[in-house]
C-alpha atoms as a PDB file:
ATOM      1  CA  MET A   1      -0.047   0.048  -0.032  1.00  0.00           C
ATOM      2  CA  ARG A   2       1.051   3.524  -0.392  1.00  0.00           C
ATOM      3  CA  PHE A   3       0.875   5.981   2.401  1.00  0.00           C
ATOM      4  CA  ILE A   4       1.491   9.674   3.171  1.00  0.00           C
ATOM      5  CA  VAL A   5       2.871  11.093   6.696  1.00  0.00           C
ATOM      6  CA  THR A   6       2.592  14.530   6.906  1.00  0.00           C
ATOM      7  CA  GLY A   7       5.394  15.623   9.586  1.00  0.00           C
ATOM      8  CA  GLY A   8       7.238  12.685   8.471  1.00  0.00           C
ATOM      9  CA  ALA A   9      10.567  14.099   9.505  1.00  0.00           C
ATOM     10  CA  GLY A  10       9.428  14.799  13.039  1.00  0.00           C
ATOM     11  CA  PHE A  11      10.045  12.556  16.390  1.00  0.00           C
ATOM     12  CA  LEU A  12       6.855  10.415  15.966  1.00  0.00           C
ATOM     13  CA  GLY A  13       6.304  10.946  12.185  1.00  0.00           C
ATOM     14  CA  SER A  14       9.568   9.471  11.446  1.00  0.00           C
ATOM     15  CA  HIS A  15       8.976   6.384  13.603  1.00  0.00           C
ATOM     16  CA  VAL A  16       5.697   5.922  11.789  1.00  0.00           C
ATOM     17  CA  VAL A  17       7.515   6.260   8.171  1.00  0.00           C
ATOM     18  CA  GLU A  18      10.005   3.531   9.358  1.00  0.00           C
ATOM     19  CA  ARG A  19       7.222   1.612  10.644  1.00  0.00           C
ATOM     20  CA  LEU A  20       5.364   1.514   7.497  1.00  0.00           C
ATOM     21  CA  LEU A  21       8.437   0.717   5.666  1.00  0.00           C
ATOM     22  CA  ALA A  22       9.237  -2.137   7.417  1.00  0.00           C
ATOM     23  CA  GLN A  23       5.681  -3.568   6.663  1.00  0.00           C
ATOM     24  CA  GLY A  24       6.540  -3.285   2.959  1.00  0.00           C
ATOM     25  CA  HIS A  25       4.543  -0.526   2.250  1.00  0.00           C
ATOM     26  CA  GLU A  26       5.641   2.750   0.193  1.00  0.00           C
ATOM     27  CA  VAL A  27       5.634   5.881   2.003  1.00  0.00           C
ATOM     28  CA  VAL A  28       5.957   9.670   0.817  1.00  0.00           C
ATOM     29  CA  ALA A  29       6.982  11.859   3.693  1.00  0.00           C
ATOM     30  CA  ILE A  30       6.151  15.649   3.503  1.00  0.00           C
ATOM     31  CA  ASP A  31       7.692  17.924   6.061  1.00  0.00           C
ATOM     32  CA  ASN A  32       8.663  21.667   5.926  1.00  0.00           C
ATOM     33  CA  LEU A  33      11.585  20.816   8.196  1.00  0.00           C
ATOM     34  CA  ILE A  34      11.015  23.656  10.588  1.00  0.00           C
ATOM     35  CA  THR A  35      10.877  21.387  13.707  1.00  0.00           C
ATOM     36  CA  GLY A  36      11.325  18.368  11.957  1.00  0.00           C
ATOM     37  CA  ARG A  37      14.964  16.882  10.708  1.00  0.00           C
ATOM     38  CA  TRP A  38      16.114  15.471   7.650  1.00  0.00           C
ATOM     39  CA  LEU A  39      18.739  13.400   9.959  1.00  0.00           C
ATOM     40  CA  ASN A  40      15.737  11.276  11.371  1.00  0.00           C
ATOM     41  CA  LEU A  41      14.564  10.066   7.453  1.00  0.00           C
ATOM     42  CA  GLU A  42      18.294   9.776   6.233  1.00  0.00           C
ATOM     43  CA  PRO A  43      18.901   6.247   7.543  1.00  0.00           C
ATOM     44  CA  LEU A  44      15.861   5.448   5.258  1.00  0.00           C
ATOM     45  CA  ALA A  45      16.355   7.086   2.065  1.00  0.00           C
ATOM     46  CA  ARG A  46      18.380   4.249   0.844  1.00  0.00           C
ATOM     47  CA  ASP A  47      15.038   2.728   0.499  1.00  0.00           C
ATOM     48  CA  GLY A  48      13.348   3.101  -3.118  1.00  0.00           C
ATOM     49  CA  ARG A  49       9.890   3.124  -1.479  1.00  0.00           C
ATOM     50  CA  LEU A  50      10.673   6.186   0.619  1.00  0.00           C
ATOM     51  CA  GLY A  51       9.581   9.761  -1.046  1.00  0.00           C
ATOM     52  CA  PHE A  52      10.081  13.099   0.361  1.00  0.00           C
ATOM     53  CA  LEU A  53       8.544  16.102  -0.245  1.00  0.00           C
ATOM     54  CA  GLN A  54       9.529  19.272   1.421  1.00  0.00           C
ATOM     55  CA  GLN A  55       6.449  21.514   1.874  1.00  0.00           C
ATOM     56  CA  ASP A  56       4.236  23.311   4.204  1.00  0.00           C
ATOM     57  CA  VAL A  57       1.094  21.368   4.527  1.00  0.00           C
ATOM     58  CA  THR A  58      -0.790  24.526   4.889  1.00  0.00           C
ATOM     59  CA  GLU A  59      -0.238  25.049   1.207  1.00  0.00           C
ATOM     60  CA  PHE A  60      -2.366  22.829  -1.514  1.00  0.00           C
ATOM     61  CA  ILE A  61      -0.704  19.190  -1.398  1.00  0.00           C
ATOM     62  CA  ALA A  62      -0.033  17.573  -4.842  1.00  0.00           C
ATOM     63  CA  VAL A  63       0.641  13.953  -5.093  1.00  0.00           C
ATOM     64  CA  ASP A  64       0.575  11.645  -7.990  1.00  0.00           C
ATOM     65  CA  GLY A  65      -0.913   8.175  -8.131  1.00  0.00           C
ATOM     66  CA  GLU A  66      -2.883   6.394  -5.647  1.00  0.00           C
ATOM     67  CA  VAL A  67      -2.836   6.693  -1.679  1.00  0.00           C
ATOM     68  CA  HIS A  68      -4.334   4.537   0.824  1.00  0.00           C
ATOM     69  CA  GLY A  69      -3.815   6.177   3.714  1.00  0.00           C
ATOM     70  CA  VAL A  70      -3.012   9.835   5.234  1.00  0.00           C
ATOM     71  CA  PHE A  71      -1.224  10.073   8.742  1.00  0.00           C
ATOM     72  CA  HIS A  72      -1.562  13.707   9.736  1.00  0.00           C
ATOM     73  CA  PHE A  73       1.518  14.362  12.115  1.00  0.00           C
ATOM     74  CA  ALA A  74       2.215  17.650  11.057  1.00  0.00           C
ATOM     75  CA  SER A  75       2.667  20.309  13.890  1.00  0.00           C
ATOM     76  CA  PRO A  76       5.132  21.821  16.197  1.00  0.00           C
ATOM     77  CA  ALA A  77       4.559  19.408  19.443  1.00  0.00           C
ATOM     78  CA  SER A  78       6.720  20.726  22.189  1.00  0.00           C
ATOM     79  CA  PRO A  79       6.029  23.626  24.427  1.00  0.00           C
ATOM     80  CA  GLY A  80       9.401  25.576  23.262  1.00  0.00           C
ATOM     81  CA  ASP A  81       8.377  25.066  19.561  1.00  0.00           C
ATOM     82  CA  TYR A  82       4.704  26.033  19.713  1.00  0.00           C
ATOM     83  CA  LEU A  83       5.552  29.063  22.090  1.00  0.00           C
ATOM     84  CA  ALA A  84       7.791  30.426  19.681  1.00  0.00           C
ATOM     85  CA  LEU A  85       5.943  29.584  16.556  1.00  0.00           C
ATOM     86  CA  PRO A  86       2.099  30.307  17.675  1.00  0.00           C
ATOM     87  CA  ILE A  87       1.068  31.435  14.383  1.00  0.00           C
ATOM     88  CA  GLN A  88       2.395  28.573  12.455  1.00  0.00           C
ATOM     89  CA  THR A  89       0.898  26.162  15.154  1.00  0.00           C
ATOM     90  CA  LEU A  90      -2.652  27.631  14.691  1.00  0.00           C
ATOM     91  CA  LYS A  91      -2.032  27.396  10.675  1.00  0.00           C
ATOM     92  CA  VAL A  92      -0.832  23.751  10.765  1.00  0.00           C
ATOM     93  CA  GLY A  93      -3.783  22.846  13.121  1.00  0.00           C
ATOM     94  CA  ALA A  94      -6.424  24.324  10.695  1.00  0.00           C
ATOM     95  CA  LEU A  95      -5.211  25.109   7.314  1.00  0.00           C
ATOM     96  CA  GLY A  96      -2.597  21.795   7.297  1.00  0.00           C
ATOM     97  CA  THR A  97      -5.628  19.767   8.666  1.00  0.00           C
ATOM     98  CA  HIS A  98      -7.804  21.066   5.808  1.00  0.00           C
ATOM     99  CA  LYS A  99      -5.476  20.215   3.070  1.00  0.00           C
ATOM    100  CA  ALA A 100      -4.544  16.841   4.353  1.00  0.00           C
ATOM    101  CA  LEU A 101      -8.033  15.910   4.856  1.00  0.00           C
ATOM    102  CA  GLY A 102      -8.868  17.117   1.345  1.00  0.00           C
ATOM    103  CA  LEU A 103      -5.908  14.947   0.001  1.00  0.00           C
ATOM    104  CA  ALA A 104      -7.355  12.104   1.810  1.00  0.00           C
ATOM    105  CA  ARG A 105     -10.929  12.582   0.314  1.00  0.00           C
ATOM    106  CA  ALA A 106      -9.630  13.256  -3.370  1.00  0.00           C
ATOM    107  CA  LYS A 107      -7.599   9.796  -2.712  1.00  0.00           C
ATOM    108  CA  GLY A 108     -10.369   7.896  -0.834  1.00  0.00           C
ATOM    109  CA  ALA A 109      -7.772   7.234   1.671  1.00  0.00           C
ATOM    110  CA  ARG A 110      -8.174   6.763   5.279  1.00  0.00           C
ATOM    111  CA  PHE A 111      -7.034   9.494   7.496  1.00  0.00           C
ATOM    112  CA  LEU A 112      -5.627   9.567  10.936  1.00  0.00           C
ATOM    113  CA  LEU A 113      -5.180  12.736  12.812  1.00  0.00           C
ATOM    114  CA  ALA A 114      -2.510  12.829  15.432  1.00  0.00           C
ATOM    115  CA  SER A 115      -4.099  14.788  18.111  1.00  0.00           C
ATOM    116  CA  THR A 116      -2.839  15.119  21.753  1.00  0.00           C
ATOM    117  CA  SER A 117      -3.903  14.950  25.387  1.00  0.00           C
ATOM    118  CA  GLU A 118      -3.427  18.652  25.197  1.00  0.00           C
ATOM    119  CA  VAL A 119      -7.162  18.823  24.166  1.00  0.00           C
ATOM    120  CA  TYR A 120      -7.876  18.279  27.927  1.00  0.00           C
ATOM    121  CA  GLY A 121      -6.029  21.427  29.219  1.00  0.00           C
ATOM    122  CA  ASP A 122      -5.308  21.463  32.759  1.00  0.00           C
ATOM    123  CA  PRO A 123      -7.848  18.894  33.526  1.00  0.00           C
ATOM    124  CA  ALA A 124     -10.601  19.131  36.039  1.00  0.00           C
ATOM    125  CA  VAL A 125     -11.509  15.127  35.525  1.00  0.00           C
ATOM    126  CA  HIS A 126      -8.492  12.686  36.536  1.00  0.00           C
ATOM    127  CA  PRO A 127      -7.891  10.393  34.878  1.00  0.00           C
ATOM    128  CA  GLN A 128      -8.828  11.855  31.480  1.00  0.00           C
ATOM    129  CA  PRO A 129     -11.524   9.688  29.663  1.00  0.00           C
ATOM    130  CA  GLU A 130     -12.385  10.794  25.817  1.00  0.00           C
ATOM    131  CA  THR A 131     -15.844  11.712  27.063  1.00  0.00           C
ATOM    132  CA  TYR A 132     -14.119  14.585  29.041  1.00  0.00           C
ATOM    133  CA  TRP A 133     -14.462  17.831  26.892  1.00  0.00           C
ATOM    134  CA  GLY A 134     -11.407  19.410  28.594  1.00  0.00           C
ATOM    135  CA  HIS A 135     -10.510  22.671  30.550  1.00  0.00           C
ATOM    136  CA  VAL A 136      -8.759  24.775  27.876  1.00  0.00           C
ATOM    137  CA  ASN A 137      -7.903  28.480  28.350  1.00  0.00           C
ATOM    138  CA  PRO A 138      -8.238  29.586  24.839  1.00  0.00           C
ATOM    139  CA  VAL A 139      -6.587  32.699  25.030  1.00  0.00           C
ATOM    140  CA  GLY A 140      -3.287  31.514  27.035  1.00  0.00           C
ATOM    141  CA  PRO A 141      -0.191  31.015  25.810  1.00  0.00           C
ATOM    142  CA  ARG A 142      -0.883  27.254  25.276  1.00  0.00           C
ATOM    143  CA  GLY A 143      -3.977  27.585  23.861  1.00  0.00           C
ATOM    144  CA  VAL A 144      -2.492  27.871  20.393  1.00  0.00           C
ATOM    145  CA  TYR A 145      -1.515  24.282  20.498  1.00  0.00           C
ATOM    146  CA  ASP A 146      -4.696  23.084  22.641  1.00  0.00           C
ATOM    147  CA  GLU A 147      -7.175  24.920  20.479  1.00  0.00           C
ATOM    148  CA  ALA A 148      -5.231  24.171  17.038  1.00  0.00           C
ATOM    149  CA  LYS A 149      -5.683  20.430  18.157  1.00  0.00           C
ATOM    150  CA  ARG A 150      -9.195  20.779  19.143  1.00  0.00           C
ATOM    151  CA  PHE A 151     -10.062  22.398  15.925  1.00  0.00           C
ATOM    152  CA  ALA A 152      -8.534  19.814  13.691  1.00  0.00           C
ATOM    153  CA  GLU A 153     -10.661  17.194  15.758  1.00  0.00           C
ATOM    154  CA  ALA A 154     -13.674  18.789  14.925  1.00  0.00           C
ATOM    155  CA  LEU A 155     -12.659  19.470  11.246  1.00  0.00           C
ATOM    156  CA  THR A 156     -11.532  15.766  10.952  1.00  0.00           C
ATOM    157  CA  MET A 157     -14.941  14.843  12.378  1.00  0.00           C
ATOM    158  CA  ALA A 158     -17.009  17.186   9.987  1.00  0.00           C
ATOM    159  CA  TYR A 159     -15.120  15.310   6.948  1.00  0.00           C
ATOM    160  CA  HIS A 160     -16.213  12.206   8.482  1.00  0.00           C
ATOM    161  CA  ARG A 161     -20.025  13.082   8.595  1.00  0.00           C
ATOM    162  CA  VAL A 162     -20.179  15.381   5.517  1.00  0.00           C
ATOM    163  CA  HIS A 163     -18.042  13.560   3.098  1.00  0.00           C
ATOM    164  CA  GLY A 164     -18.259   9.722   4.713  1.00  0.00           C
ATOM    165  CA  LEU A 165     -14.353  10.003   4.755  1.00  0.00           C
ATOM    166  CA  GLU A 166     -12.883   7.299   6.821  1.00  0.00           C
ATOM    167  CA  THR A 167     -11.107   9.040   9.859  1.00  0.00           C
ATOM    168  CA  ARG A 168      -9.395   8.137  13.214  1.00  0.00           C
ATOM    169  CA  ILE A 169      -8.345  10.197  15.814  1.00  0.00           C
ATOM    170  CA  ALA A 170      -5.265   9.360  18.330  1.00  0.00           C
ATOM    171  CA  ARG A 171      -5.251  11.462  21.393  1.00  0.00           C
ATOM    172  CA  ILE A 172      -1.553  10.963  22.032  1.00  0.00           C
ATOM    173  CA  PHE A 173       0.002  11.608  25.737  1.00  0.00           C
ATOM    174  CA  ASN A 174       3.394  12.066  26.556  1.00  0.00           C
ATOM    175  CA  THR A 175       5.735   9.967  24.297  1.00  0.00           C
ATOM    176  CA  TYR A 176       9.421   9.860  24.538  1.00  0.00           C
ATOM    177  CA  GLY A 177      12.176   7.906  23.139  1.00  0.00           C
ATOM    178  CA  PRO A 178      15.086   8.096  20.329  1.00  0.00           C
ATOM    179  CA  ARG A 179      14.797  10.858  17.679  1.00  0.00           C
ATOM    180  CA  MET A 180      13.648  13.420  19.985  1.00  0.00           C
ATOM    181  CA  ARG A 181      15.630  16.559  19.607  1.00  0.00           C
ATOM    182  CA  PRO A 182      17.995  17.461  22.429  1.00  0.00           C
ATOM    183  CA  ASN A 183      16.570  21.245  22.762  1.00  0.00           C
ATOM    184  CA  ASP A 184      12.934  20.363  22.249  1.00  0.00           C
ATOM    185  CA  GLY A 185      12.113  21.851  25.516  1.00  0.00           C
ATOM    186  CA  ARG A 186      10.173  18.312  26.565  1.00  0.00           C
ATOM    187  CA  VAL A 187      10.508  17.345  30.187  1.00  0.00           C
ATOM    188  CA  VAL A 188      12.494  13.614  29.238  1.00  0.00           C
ATOM    189  CA  SER A 189      14.849  14.819  26.670  1.00  0.00           C
ATOM    190  CA  ASN A 190      15.474  18.206  28.991  1.00  0.00           C
ATOM    191  CA  PHE A 191      16.353  15.998  31.869  1.00  0.00           C
ATOM    192  CA  ILE A 192      18.448  13.373  29.682  1.00  0.00           C
ATOM    193  CA  VAL A 193      20.469  15.986  28.148  1.00  0.00           C
ATOM    194  CA  GLN A 194      21.067  18.043  31.108  1.00  0.00           C
ATOM    195  CA  ALA A 195      22.136  15.032  33.212  1.00  0.00           C
ATOM    196  CA  LEU A 196      24.637  13.778  30.575  1.00  0.00           C
ATOM    197  CA  ARG A 197      26.243  17.237  30.290  1.00  0.00           C
ATOM    198  CA  GLY A 198      26.306  17.520  34.139  1.00  0.00           C
ATOM    199  CA  GLU A 199      23.913  20.320  34.441  1.00  0.00           C
ATOM    200  CA  PRO A 200      21.142  20.827  37.214  1.00  0.00           C
ATOM    201  CA  LEU A 201      18.031  19.101  36.245  1.00  0.00           C
ATOM    202  CA  THR A 202      15.435  21.998  35.643  1.00  0.00           C
ATOM    203  CA  VAL A 203      12.234  21.448  37.517  1.00  0.00           C
ATOM    204  CA  TYR A 204       9.357  23.909  37.000  1.00  0.00           C
ATOM    205  CA  GLY A 205       7.252  24.658  39.956  1.00  0.00           C
ATOM    206  CA  ASP A 206       7.405  22.292  42.900  1.00  0.00           C
ATOM    207  CA  GLY A 207       7.824  19.060  40.605  1.00  0.00           C
ATOM    208  CA  ARG A 208       4.747  17.620  42.138  1.00  0.00           C
ATOM    209  CA  GLN A 209       2.728  17.940  38.789  1.00  0.00           C
ATOM    210  CA  THR A 210       2.362  14.540  37.322  1.00  0.00           C
ATOM    211  CA  ARG A 211       2.673  13.256  33.758  1.00  0.00           C
ATOM    212  CA  SER A 212       2.397   9.583  32.324  1.00  0.00           C
ATOM    213  CA  PHE A 213       5.077   8.831  29.806  1.00  0.00           C
ATOM    214  CA  CYS A 214       4.795   6.282  26.988  1.00  0.00           C
ATOM    215  CA  TYR A 215       7.999   4.839  25.153  1.00  0.00           C
ATOM    216  CA  VAL A 216       7.689   5.485  21.256  1.00  0.00           C
ATOM    217  CA  GLU A 217       7.231   1.754  20.312  1.00  0.00           C
ATOM    218  CA  ASP A 218       4.366   1.549  22.624  1.00  0.00           C
ATOM    219  CA  MET A 219       2.609   4.413  20.778  1.00  0.00           C
ATOM    220  CA  LEU A 220       3.728   3.165  17.298  1.00  0.00           C
ATOM    221  CA  ASP A 221       1.623  -0.257  18.225  1.00  0.00           C
ATOM    222  CA  GLY A 222      -1.304   2.117  19.291  1.00  0.00           C
ATOM    223  CA  ILE A 223      -1.307   4.222  16.350  1.00  0.00           C
ATOM    224  CA  LEU A 224      -1.319   1.633  13.760  1.00  0.00           C
ATOM    225  CA  ARG A 225      -3.886  -0.528  15.701  1.00  0.00           C
ATOM    226  CA  LEU A 226      -5.933   2.546  15.749  1.00  0.00           C
ATOM    227  CA  PHE A 227      -5.628   2.900  12.117  1.00  0.00           C
ATOM    228  CA  GLU A 228      -6.331  -0.176  11.152  1.00  0.00           C
ATOM    229  CA  SER A 229      -9.458  -0.366  13.165  1.00  0.00           C
ATOM    230  CA  ASP A 230     -13.205   0.616  12.776  1.00  0.00           C
ATOM    231  CA  HIS A 231     -13.431   3.240  15.505  1.00  0.00           C
ATOM    232  CA  VAL A 232     -13.965   6.509  14.317  1.00  0.00           C
ATOM    233  CA  GLY A 233     -14.003   8.655  17.507  1.00  0.00           C
ATOM    234  CA  PRO A 234     -11.091   9.980  19.758  1.00  0.00           C
ATOM    235  CA  VAL A 235      -8.918   7.330  21.263  1.00  0.00           C
ATOM    236  CA  ASN A 236      -6.564   8.037  24.275  1.00  0.00           C
ATOM    237  CA  LEU A 237      -2.906   6.591  23.526  1.00  0.00           C
ATOM    238  CA  GLY A 238      -0.613   6.787  26.389  1.00  0.00           C
ATOM    239  CA  ASN A 239       0.653   5.022  29.436  1.00  0.00           C
ATOM    240  CA  PRO A 240      -1.486   5.231  32.536  1.00  0.00           C
ATOM    241  CA  ASP A 241       1.204   4.691  34.909  1.00  0.00           C
ATOM    242  CA  GLU A 242       1.443   8.444  36.641  1.00  0.00           C
ATOM    243  CA  HIS A 243       5.058   9.918  37.877  1.00  0.00           C
ATOM    244  CA  THR A 244       5.469  13.291  39.405  1.00  0.00           C
ATOM    245  CA  VAL A 245       8.154  15.461  37.596  1.00  0.00           C
ATOM    246  CA  LEU A 246      10.524  14.982  40.422  1.00  0.00           C
ATOM    247  CA  GLU A 247      10.099  11.326  40.128  1.00  0.00           C
ATOM    248  CA  LEU A 248      11.204  11.380  36.576  1.00  0.00           C
ATOM    249  CA  ALA A 249      14.134  13.462  37.715  1.00  0.00           C
ATOM    250  CA  GLU A 250      15.202  10.811  39.998  1.00  0.00           C
ATOM    251  CA  LEU A 251      14.922   7.897  37.551  1.00  0.00           C
ATOM    252  CA  VAL A 252      16.627  10.156  34.657  1.00  0.00           C
ATOM    253  CA  ARG A 253      19.613  10.401  37.421  1.00  0.00           C
ATOM    254  CA  GLU A 254      19.599   6.839  37.945  1.00  0.00           C
ATOM    255  CA  ALA A 255      19.591   5.841  34.202  1.00  0.00           C
ATOM    256  CA  THR A 256      22.286   8.091  33.159  1.00  0.00           C
ATOM    257  CA  GLY A 257      24.254   7.806  36.579  1.00  0.00           C
ATOM    258  CA  ALA A 258      24.575  11.567  36.966  1.00  0.00           C
ATOM    259  CA  HIS A 259      25.181  12.873  40.371  1.00  0.00           C
ATOM    260  CA  VAL A 260      23.631  16.417  39.292  1.00  0.00           C
ATOM    261  CA  PRO A 261      21.326  18.784  41.405  1.00  0.00           C
ATOM    262  CA  ILE A 262      17.583  20.022  41.076  1.00  0.00           C
ATOM    263  CA  GLU A 263      17.107  23.637  40.423  1.00  0.00           C
ATOM    264  CA  HIS A 264      13.467  24.703  40.581  1.00  0.00           C
ATOM    265  CA  ARG A 265      12.238  27.733  38.328  1.00  0.00           C
ATOM    266  CA  PRO A 266       8.566  29.271  38.309  1.00  0.00           C
ATOM    267  CA  LEU A 267       5.702  27.374  36.929  1.00  0.00           C
ATOM    268  CA  PRO A 268       4.820  28.462  33.214  1.00  0.00           C
ATOM    269  CA  GLU A 269       1.412  29.819  32.904  1.00  0.00           C
ATOM    270  CA  ASP A 270      -1.490  27.303  32.338  1.00  0.00           C
ATOM    271  CA  ASP A 271       0.796  24.315  32.903  1.00  0.00           C
ATOM    272  CA  PRO A 272      -1.476  21.180  33.451  1.00  0.00           C
ATOM    273  CA  LYS A 273      -0.953  20.045  37.140  1.00  0.00           C
ATOM    274  CA  VAL A 274      -2.066  16.128  36.065  1.00  0.00           C
ATOM    275  CA  ARG A 275      -2.008  14.543  33.200  1.00  0.00           C
ATOM    276  CA  ARG A 276      -3.142  10.530  33.177  1.00  0.00           C
ATOM    277  CA  PRO A 277      -4.888   8.690  30.219  1.00  0.00           C
ATOM    278  CA  ASP A 278      -8.036   6.594  30.964  1.00  0.00           C
ATOM    279  CA  ILE A 279      -7.185   3.880  28.203  1.00  0.00           C
ATOM    280  CA  SER A 280     -10.155   1.820  28.867  1.00  0.00           C
ATOM    281  CA  LEU A 281     -11.340   2.271  25.317  1.00  0.00           C
ATOM    282  CA  ALA A 282      -7.864   1.586  23.578  1.00  0.00           C
ATOM    283  CA  ARG A 283      -7.877  -1.559  25.475  1.00  0.00           C
ATOM    284  CA  ARG A 284     -11.527  -2.610  24.556  1.00  0.00           C
ATOM    285  CA  VAL A 285     -11.644  -1.478  20.848  1.00  0.00           C
ATOM    286  CA  LEU A 286      -7.866  -2.022  19.988  1.00  0.00           C
ATOM    287  CA  GLY A 287      -6.506  -4.560  22.591  1.00  0.00           C
ATOM    288  CA  TRP A 288      -3.976  -2.095  23.137  1.00  0.00           C
ATOM    289  CA  GLU A 289      -1.904  -1.106  26.082  1.00  0.00           C
ATOM    290  CA  PRO A 290       1.779  -0.015  26.897  1.00  0.00           C
ATOM    291  CA  ARG A 291       4.083  -2.811  27.805  1.00  0.00           C
ATOM    292  CA  VAL A 292       7.768  -0.896  28.202  1.00  0.00           C
ATOM    293  CA  SER A 293       8.335   0.173  31.748  1.00  0.00           C
ATOM    294  CA  LEU A 294       9.598   3.606  32.008  1.00  0.00           C
ATOM    295  CA  GLU A 295      12.930   2.449  33.556  1.00  0.00           C
ATOM    296  CA  GLU A 296      13.449   0.239  30.499  1.00  0.00           C
ATOM    297  CA  GLY A 297      12.197   3.107  28.273  1.00  0.00           C
ATOM    298  CA  LEU A 298      14.910   5.405  29.797  1.00  0.00           C
ATOM    299  CA  ARG A 299      17.723   3.297  29.386  1.00  0.00           C
ATOM    300  CA  GLN A 300      16.996   3.152  25.524  1.00  0.00           C
ATOM    301  CA  THR A 301      16.394   6.827  25.123  1.00  0.00           C
ATOM    302  CA  VAL A 302      19.373   7.567  27.099  1.00  0.00           C
ATOM    303  CA  ALA A 303      21.520   5.143  25.224  1.00  0.00           C
ATOM    304  CA  TYR A 304      20.649   7.354  21.984  1.00  0.00           C
ATOM    305  CA  PHE A 305      21.004  10.866  23.704  1.00  0.00           C
ATOM    306  CA  ARG A 306      24.575   9.698  24.674  1.00  0.00           C
ATOM    307  CA  GLN A 307      25.560   9.391  21.110  1.00  0.00           C
ATOM    308  CA  ILE A 308      23.766  12.617  20.388  1.00  0.00           C
ATOM    309  CA  VAL A 309      25.009  14.847  23.064  1.00  0.00           C
ATOM    310  CA  GLY A 310      28.545  13.504  22.176  1.00  0.00           C
ATOM    311  CA  ASP A 311      28.100  14.728  18.785  1.00  0.00           C
ATOM    312  CA  ILE A 312      27.026  18.055  19.730  1.00  0.00           C
ATOM    313  CA  THR A 313      29.754  18.612  22.264  1.00  0.00           C
ATOM    314  CA  GLU A 314      32.487  17.563  19.712  1.00  0.00           C
ATOM    315  CA  GLU A 315      31.221  20.038  17.084  1.00  0.00           C
ATOM    316  CA  SER A 316      31.129  22.713  19.590  1.00  0.00           C
ATOM    317  CA  ASP A 317      34.720  21.863  20.816  1.00  0.00           C
ATOM    318  CA  ARG A 318      35.794  21.837  17.065  1.00  0.00           C
ATOM    319  CA  ARG A 319      34.062  25.339  16.378  1.00  0.00           C
ATOM    320  CA  ALA A 320      35.861  26.692  19.646  1.00  0.00           C
ATOM    321  CA  GLY A 321      39.038  25.125  18.637  1.00  0.00           C
ATOM    322  CA  ARG A 322      39.516  22.982  21.722  1.00  0.00           C
END
């Protein structure tokens, strides 16, 4: 089969591309490389079944030939990115989703939207089920990402209801693993990079806020099961094991062997106090739940970042003449 993956050079998008190629499919990855990296796709480029289109998906998407499925992953996804690129984030959630849906409709292809747990905002219901409508500040700084994804979900369902398009919506909770950018601003990559560099771990607020971390391979299994399922509405995909940020910091120190202190900074505006998925629906309709423990996932992620951080340090030393 032949698939389109928007945001295909990003963290999650590139893993989707790799998994589809491994299954024997053809893939066209589309990315404007604002937050995605060609480095993520370069090892796959030798495969003649991978095509690449460098383009902003807010513009008309023209792809020749048949397409069986569209995986829409294009969007800045880390706080540092969408806070620095607020208008681009809103445009890709609205115009980009519209263009990707239009492509899927024109090709008669199934469409999967990569949505997010951020649609729940700073939740007043815990854990968060798909039936919860969320608690989002639409005019706060984080609203550019939250509302972009909420609009994308509404548009996706409108295409399903009006045009009969086959659609799937994955509400993705915190995911980590190889190919995260060292400077993407997410808590797992932040902690690991700081620990490997011997720097204090930056904890915002008192560190008692909670998150639920899903290893990327588990997330891929859930995404592909959802795509192949008959379930149309949103499905939470994430790890229901909940940890405080301080607990994560300690686990990262253990995984890296780094003896570094913790440095507290003010909590950002509208930062969620809790985050944990109710995955009862995913268990029931997909037969899916995460299997990789946080400790094991961190070990594999740290191994990846040891090489990445080493490469960055060597490059910095060369430029400084050391």
